[in-house]
């Protein structure tokens, strides 16, 4: 028990940082909830086929998580963006406009 108290005492400044800085959250529930679907399917991802497929799956999961954090409906965003990508490539437009946070600014179809 003494070791546990000593360990906590030495870490106290780092453990109580959130008290002095209101921008720091007391827990990481938001992040844990965002990665929960990934953790639940971890064993399934072993069978992506190859590294390139796993890499592409990671990109899609990242984009969907970004949609959720920007309060954008992933399905509506994906449908709209997939229809616009060929024109953006042809006209050499900035693809960053299609990222969920930027897309949400120019579209009214955000989820609540």
N, C-alpha and C. Protein backbone atom coordinates (compact mmCIF):
# COMPACT_ATOMS: atom_id res chain seq x y z
N UNK A 1 0.83 -1.19 0.00
CA UNK A 1 0.00 0.00 0.00
C UNK A 1 0.87 1.26 0.00
N UNK A 2 1.99 1.21 0.70
CA UNK A 2 2.90 2.35 0.77
C UNK A 2 3.46 2.71 -0.59
N UNK A 3 3.78 1.68 -1.41
CA UNK A 3 4.31 1.93 -2.75
C UNK A 3 3.28 2.63 -3.62
N UNK A 4 2.03 2.22 -3.50
CA UNK A 4 0.96 2.83 -4.30
C UNK A 4 0.78 4.30 -3.94
N UNK A 5 0.82 4.60 -2.65
CA UNK A 5 0.67 5.99 -2.21
C UNK A 5 1.86 6.82 -2.67
N UNK A 6 3.05 6.27 -2.55
CA UNK A 6 4.26 6.99 -2.99
C UNK A 6 4.21 7.24 -4.50
N UNK A 7 3.78 6.25 -5.25
CA UNK A 7 3.67 6.37 -6.71
C UNK A 7 2.69 7.48 -7.08
N UNK A 8 1.53 7.48 -6.42
CA UNK A 8 0.52 8.50 -6.69
C UNK A 8 1.03 9.88 -6.30
N UNK A 9 1.72 9.97 -5.19
CA UNK A 9 2.24 11.25 -4.71
C UNK A 9 3.23 11.84 -5.71
N UNK A 10 4.09 11.00 -6.27
CA UNK A 10 5.07 11.52 -7.24
C UNK A 10 4.41 11.95 -8.54
N UNK A 11 3.28 11.35 -8.87
CA UNK A 11 2.57 11.71 -10.11
C UNK A 11 1.50 12.78 -9.90
N UNK A 12 1.29 13.22 -8.67
CA UNK A 12 0.21 14.15 -8.37
C UNK A 12 0.21 15.40 -9.23
N UNK A 13 1.34 16.05 -9.49
CA UNK A 13 1.30 17.23 -10.36
C UNK A 13 0.74 16.92 -11.75
N UNK A 14 1.10 15.79 -12.31
CA UNK A 14 0.60 15.42 -13.63
C UNK A 14 -0.86 14.98 -13.57
N UNK A 15 -1.24 14.32 -12.48
CA UNK A 15 -2.61 13.83 -12.35
C UNK A 15 -3.61 14.96 -12.10
N UNK A 16 -3.14 16.08 -11.60
CA UNK A 16 -4.06 17.17 -11.27
C UNK A 16 -3.92 18.36 -12.23
N UNK A 17 -3.32 18.16 -13.38
CA UNK A 17 -3.15 19.23 -14.37
C UNK A 17 -4.49 19.82 -14.81
N UNK A 18 -5.50 18.98 -14.91
CA UNK A 18 -6.81 19.43 -15.39
C UNK A 18 -7.43 20.47 -14.45
N UNK A 19 -7.01 20.50 -13.17
CA UNK A 19 -7.55 21.45 -12.21
C UNK A 19 -7.09 22.87 -12.54
N UNK A 20 -5.86 23.00 -13.03
CA UNK A 20 -5.29 24.31 -13.32
C UNK A 20 -5.57 24.80 -14.73
N UNK A 21 -5.95 23.91 -15.63
CA UNK A 21 -6.19 24.28 -17.02
C UNK A 21 -7.56 23.75 -17.44
N UNK A 22 -8.52 24.64 -17.57
CA UNK A 22 -9.89 24.24 -17.88
C UNK A 22 -10.07 23.61 -19.25
N UNK A 23 -9.07 23.74 -20.13
CA UNK A 23 -9.18 23.14 -21.46
C UNK A 23 -8.95 21.64 -21.43
N UNK A 24 -8.32 21.15 -20.38
CA UNK A 24 -7.99 19.73 -20.27
C UNK A 24 -9.18 18.99 -19.65
N UNK A 25 -9.61 17.94 -20.32
CA UNK A 25 -10.73 17.16 -19.80
C UNK A 25 -10.25 16.21 -18.70
N UNK A 26 -11.14 15.95 -17.75
CA UNK A 26 -10.79 15.09 -16.62
C UNK A 26 -10.67 13.62 -17.03
N UNK A 27 -11.34 13.25 -18.11
CA UNK A 27 -11.26 11.87 -18.58
C UNK A 27 -11.12 11.86 -20.10
N UNK A 28 -10.99 10.68 -20.66
CA UNK A 28 -10.86 10.56 -22.11
C UNK A 28 -12.01 9.74 -22.70
N UNK A 29 -13.19 9.89 -22.11
CA UNK A 29 -14.36 9.13 -22.58
C UNK A 29 -14.67 9.37 -24.04
N UNK A 30 -14.50 10.63 -24.49
CA UNK A 30 -14.82 10.94 -25.88
C UNK A 30 -13.93 10.14 -26.83
N UNK A 31 -12.65 10.05 -26.52
CA UNK A 31 -11.73 9.27 -27.36
C UNK A 31 -12.04 7.79 -27.25
N UNK A 32 -12.28 7.31 -26.04
CA UNK A 32 -12.60 5.89 -25.85
C UNK A 32 -13.85 5.50 -26.63
N UNK A 33 -14.86 6.35 -26.63
CA UNK A 33 -16.08 6.05 -27.38
C UNK A 33 -15.82 6.06 -28.88
N UNK A 34 -14.92 6.92 -29.33
CA UNK A 34 -14.61 6.99 -30.76
C UNK A 34 -13.89 5.74 -31.25
N UNK A 35 -13.05 5.16 -30.40
CA UNK A 35 -12.28 3.99 -30.85
C UNK A 35 -12.91 2.66 -30.46
N UNK A 36 -14.01 2.70 -29.73
CA UNK A 36 -14.65 1.45 -29.31
C UNK A 36 -15.00 0.54 -30.49
N UNK A 37 -15.60 1.05 -31.58
CA UNK A 37 -15.90 0.15 -32.71
C UNK A 37 -14.64 -0.51 -33.28
N UNK A 38 -13.54 0.21 -33.26
CA UNK A 38 -12.29 -0.37 -33.77
C UNK A 38 -11.81 -1.49 -32.86
N UNK A 39 -11.91 -1.25 -31.55
CA UNK A 39 -11.45 -2.27 -30.61
C UNK A 39 -12.33 -3.52 -30.68
N UNK A 40 -13.63 -3.33 -30.88
CA UNK A 40 -14.53 -4.48 -30.96
C UNK A 40 -14.26 -5.34 -32.18
N UNK A 41 -13.82 -4.73 -33.26
CA UNK A 41 -13.58 -5.49 -34.49
C UNK A 41 -12.13 -5.85 -34.72
N UNK A 42 -11.28 -5.66 -33.72
CA UNK A 42 -9.84 -5.86 -33.88
C UNK A 42 -9.48 -7.22 -34.47
N UNK A 43 -10.09 -8.29 -33.98
CA UNK A 43 -9.76 -9.62 -34.50
C UNK A 43 -10.20 -9.77 -35.95
N UNK A 44 -11.31 -9.15 -36.31
CA UNK A 44 -11.77 -9.23 -37.69
C UNK A 44 -10.80 -8.54 -38.64
N UNK A 45 -10.13 -7.51 -38.17
CA UNK A 45 -9.23 -6.75 -39.04
C UNK A 45 -7.96 -7.53 -39.37
N UNK A 46 -7.72 -8.61 -38.67
CA UNK A 46 -6.58 -9.45 -39.00
C UNK A 46 -6.76 -10.10 -40.37
N UNK A 47 -8.00 -10.12 -40.83
CA UNK A 47 -8.31 -10.80 -42.09
C UNK A 47 -8.68 -9.80 -43.19
N UNK A 48 -8.05 -8.64 -43.20
CA UNK A 48 -8.30 -7.63 -44.23
C UNK A 48 -7.82 -8.11 -45.60
N UNK A 49 -6.97 -9.07 -45.63
CA UNK A 49 -6.45 -9.59 -46.90
C UNK A 49 -4.98 -9.29 -47.05
N UNK A 50 -4.62 -8.02 -46.96
CA UNK A 50 -3.21 -7.64 -47.06
C UNK A 50 -3.03 -6.26 -46.42
N UNK A 51 -1.78 -5.82 -46.38
CA UNK A 51 -1.48 -4.55 -45.72
C UNK A 51 -2.16 -3.36 -46.40
N UNK A 52 -2.22 -3.39 -47.72
CA UNK A 52 -2.84 -2.28 -48.45
C UNK A 52 -4.32 -2.17 -48.11
N UNK A 53 -5.00 -3.30 -48.01
CA UNK A 53 -6.43 -3.28 -47.65
C UNK A 53 -6.63 -2.77 -46.23
N UNK A 54 -5.78 -3.18 -45.32
CA UNK A 54 -5.88 -2.72 -43.94
C UNK A 54 -5.62 -1.21 -43.87
N UNK A 55 -4.69 -0.73 -44.67
CA UNK A 55 -4.38 0.70 -44.71
C UNK A 55 -5.59 1.49 -45.21
N UNK A 56 -6.24 1.00 -46.27
CA UNK A 56 -7.43 1.67 -46.81
C UNK A 56 -8.57 1.64 -45.80
N UNK A 57 -8.74 0.53 -45.10
CA UNK A 57 -9.78 0.44 -44.07
C UNK A 57 -9.53 1.46 -42.96
N UNK A 58 -8.27 1.62 -42.58
CA UNK A 58 -7.92 2.59 -41.53
C UNK A 58 -8.26 4.01 -41.96
N UNK A 59 -8.04 4.32 -43.23
CA UNK A 59 -8.38 5.65 -43.74
C UNK A 59 -9.88 5.88 -43.66
N UNK A 60 -10.66 4.89 -44.06
CA UNK A 60 -12.12 5.03 -44.02
C UNK A 60 -12.60 5.21 -42.58
N UNK A 61 -12.08 4.40 -41.65
CA UNK A 61 -12.48 4.53 -40.25
C UNK A 61 -12.11 5.91 -39.71
N UNK A 62 -10.95 6.41 -40.10
CA UNK A 62 -10.52 7.73 -39.65
C UNK A 62 -11.46 8.82 -40.17
N UNK A 63 -11.84 8.71 -41.43
CA UNK A 63 -12.76 9.70 -42.01
C UNK A 63 -14.13 9.65 -41.33
N UNK A 64 -14.62 8.46 -41.04
CA UNK A 64 -15.91 8.32 -40.37
C UNK A 64 -15.85 8.90 -38.96
N UNK A 65 -14.76 8.65 -38.24
CA UNK A 65 -14.61 9.22 -36.90
C UNK A 65 -14.54 10.74 -36.97
N UNK A 66 -13.88 11.27 -38.00
CA UNK A 66 -13.81 12.72 -38.17
C UNK A 66 -15.19 13.30 -38.45
N UNK A 67 -15.99 12.59 -39.25
CA UNK A 67 -17.37 13.02 -39.50
C UNK A 67 -18.14 13.10 -38.19
N UNK A 68 -18.03 12.07 -37.39
CA UNK A 68 -18.78 12.05 -36.13
C UNK A 68 -18.34 13.18 -35.21
N UNK A 69 -17.03 13.45 -35.15
CA UNK A 69 -16.56 14.52 -34.27
C UNK A 69 -16.96 15.90 -34.79
N UNK A 70 -17.17 16.02 -36.11
CA UNK A 70 -17.61 17.29 -36.70
C UNK A 70 -19.13 17.37 -36.79
N UNK A 71 -19.81 16.37 -36.23
CA UNK A 71 -21.28 16.29 -36.23
C UNK A 71 -21.84 16.29 -37.65
N UNK A 72 -21.19 15.52 -38.51
CA UNK A 72 -21.61 15.35 -39.90
C UNK A 72 -22.09 13.91 -40.06
N UNK A 73 -23.20 13.72 -40.74
CA UNK A 73 -23.70 12.38 -41.02
C UNK A 73 -22.73 11.72 -42.01
N UNK A 74 -22.03 10.66 -41.60
CA UNK A 74 -21.03 10.05 -42.48
C UNK A 74 -21.59 9.58 -43.82
N UNK A 75 -22.80 9.07 -43.81
CA UNK A 75 -23.37 8.56 -45.07
C UNK A 75 -23.63 9.70 -46.06
N UNK A 76 -24.23 10.78 -45.58
CA UNK A 76 -24.51 11.92 -46.45
C UNK A 76 -23.20 12.52 -46.97
N UNK A 77 -22.22 12.66 -46.06
CA UNK A 77 -20.92 13.21 -46.45
C UNK A 77 -20.27 12.33 -47.52
N UNK A 78 -20.27 11.02 -47.29
CA UNK A 78 -19.61 10.10 -48.22
C UNK A 78 -20.28 10.14 -49.59
N UNK A 79 -21.61 10.13 -49.62
CA UNK A 79 -22.32 10.18 -50.90
C UNK A 79 -21.98 11.45 -51.67
N UNK A 80 -21.97 12.57 -50.96
CA UNK A 80 -21.68 13.85 -51.61
C UNK A 80 -20.24 13.92 -52.10
N UNK A 81 -19.32 13.54 -51.23
CA UNK A 81 -17.89 13.64 -51.57
C UNK A 81 -17.52 12.68 -52.70
N UNK A 82 -18.03 11.46 -52.68
CA UNK A 82 -17.70 10.52 -53.75
C UNK A 82 -18.20 11.00 -55.11
N UNK A 83 -19.29 11.75 -55.11
CA UNK A 83 -19.78 12.28 -56.39
C UNK A 83 -18.97 13.49 -56.86
N UNK A 84 -18.30 14.18 -55.93
CA UNK A 84 -17.54 15.39 -56.29
C UNK A 84 -16.07 15.13 -56.61
N UNK A 85 -15.51 14.05 -56.10
CA UNK A 85 -14.07 13.81 -56.27
C UNK A 85 -13.62 13.85 -57.73
N UNK A 86 -14.31 13.22 -58.67
CA UNK A 86 -13.83 13.27 -60.06
C UNK A 86 -13.72 14.70 -60.60
N UNK A 87 -14.65 15.57 -60.21
CA UNK A 87 -14.62 16.95 -60.69
C UNK A 87 -13.50 17.74 -60.01
N UNK A 88 -13.25 17.45 -58.76
CA UNK A 88 -12.16 18.11 -58.06
C UNK A 88 -10.82 17.72 -58.68
N UNK A 89 -10.66 16.46 -59.03
CA UNK A 89 -9.42 16.01 -59.66
C UNK A 89 -9.26 16.65 -61.04
N UNK A 90 -10.34 16.67 -61.82
CA UNK A 90 -10.28 17.22 -63.18
C UNK A 90 -9.96 18.71 -63.15
N UNK A 91 -10.62 19.45 -62.25
CA UNK A 91 -10.45 20.90 -62.18
C UNK A 91 -9.30 21.32 -61.27
N UNK A 92 -8.59 20.35 -60.73
CA UNK A 92 -7.46 20.58 -59.82
C UNK A 92 -7.84 21.48 -58.65
N UNK A 93 -9.01 21.23 -58.08
CA UNK A 93 -9.46 21.98 -56.91
C UNK A 93 -8.79 21.41 -55.66
N UNK A 94 -8.85 22.18 -54.59
CA UNK A 94 -8.26 21.77 -53.32
C UNK A 94 -9.14 20.72 -52.65
N UNK A 95 -8.63 19.50 -52.55
CA UNK A 95 -9.40 18.39 -51.96
C UNK A 95 -9.68 18.60 -50.47
N UNK A 96 -8.93 19.47 -49.81
CA UNK A 96 -9.17 19.71 -48.39
C UNK A 96 -10.56 20.28 -48.13
N UNK A 97 -11.16 20.89 -49.16
CA UNK A 97 -12.53 21.40 -49.02
C UNK A 97 -13.51 20.27 -48.75
N UNK A 98 -13.15 19.05 -49.14
CA UNK A 98 -14.05 17.91 -48.98
C UNK A 98 -13.90 17.20 -47.64
N UNK A 99 -12.91 17.58 -46.85
CA UNK A 99 -12.77 16.97 -45.53
C UNK A 99 -13.99 17.31 -44.67
N UNK A 100 -14.40 16.42 -43.79
CA UNK A 100 -15.66 16.60 -43.05
C UNK A 100 -15.84 17.96 -42.39
N UNK A 101 -14.82 18.47 -41.72
CA UNK A 101 -14.98 19.76 -41.02
C UNK A 101 -15.19 20.90 -42.01
N UNK A 102 -14.45 20.89 -43.10
CA UNK A 102 -14.60 21.93 -44.12
C UNK A 102 -15.91 21.76 -44.88
N UNK A 103 -16.26 20.53 -45.16
CA UNK A 103 -17.51 20.23 -45.88
C UNK A 103 -18.71 20.71 -45.08
N UNK A 104 -18.66 20.53 -43.77
CA UNK A 104 -19.79 20.92 -42.90
C UNK A 104 -20.05 22.42 -42.96
N UNK A 105 -18.99 23.20 -43.15
CA UNK A 105 -19.15 24.66 -43.21
C UNK A 105 -19.95 25.09 -44.43
N UNK A 106 -19.83 24.34 -45.52
CA UNK A 106 -20.49 24.74 -46.76
C UNK A 106 -21.76 23.93 -47.05
N UNK A 107 -22.15 23.05 -46.15
CA UNK A 107 -23.36 22.23 -46.35
C UNK A 107 -24.25 22.31 -45.12
N UNK A 108 -25.52 22.30 -45.35
CA UNK A 108 -26.49 22.38 -44.26
C UNK A 108 -26.96 21.02 -43.79
N UNK A 109 -26.46 19.92 -44.38
CA UNK A 109 -26.95 18.57 -44.07
C UNK A 109 -26.12 17.90 -42.99
N UNK A 110 -25.89 18.59 -41.89
CA UNK A 110 -25.14 18.01 -40.77
C UNK A 110 -26.12 17.31 -39.84
N UNK A 111 -25.66 16.23 -39.22
CA UNK A 111 -26.52 15.53 -38.26
C UNK A 111 -26.58 16.31 -36.97
N UNK A 112 -27.59 16.02 -36.18
CA UNK A 112 -27.76 16.74 -34.91
C UNK A 112 -27.24 15.95 -33.76
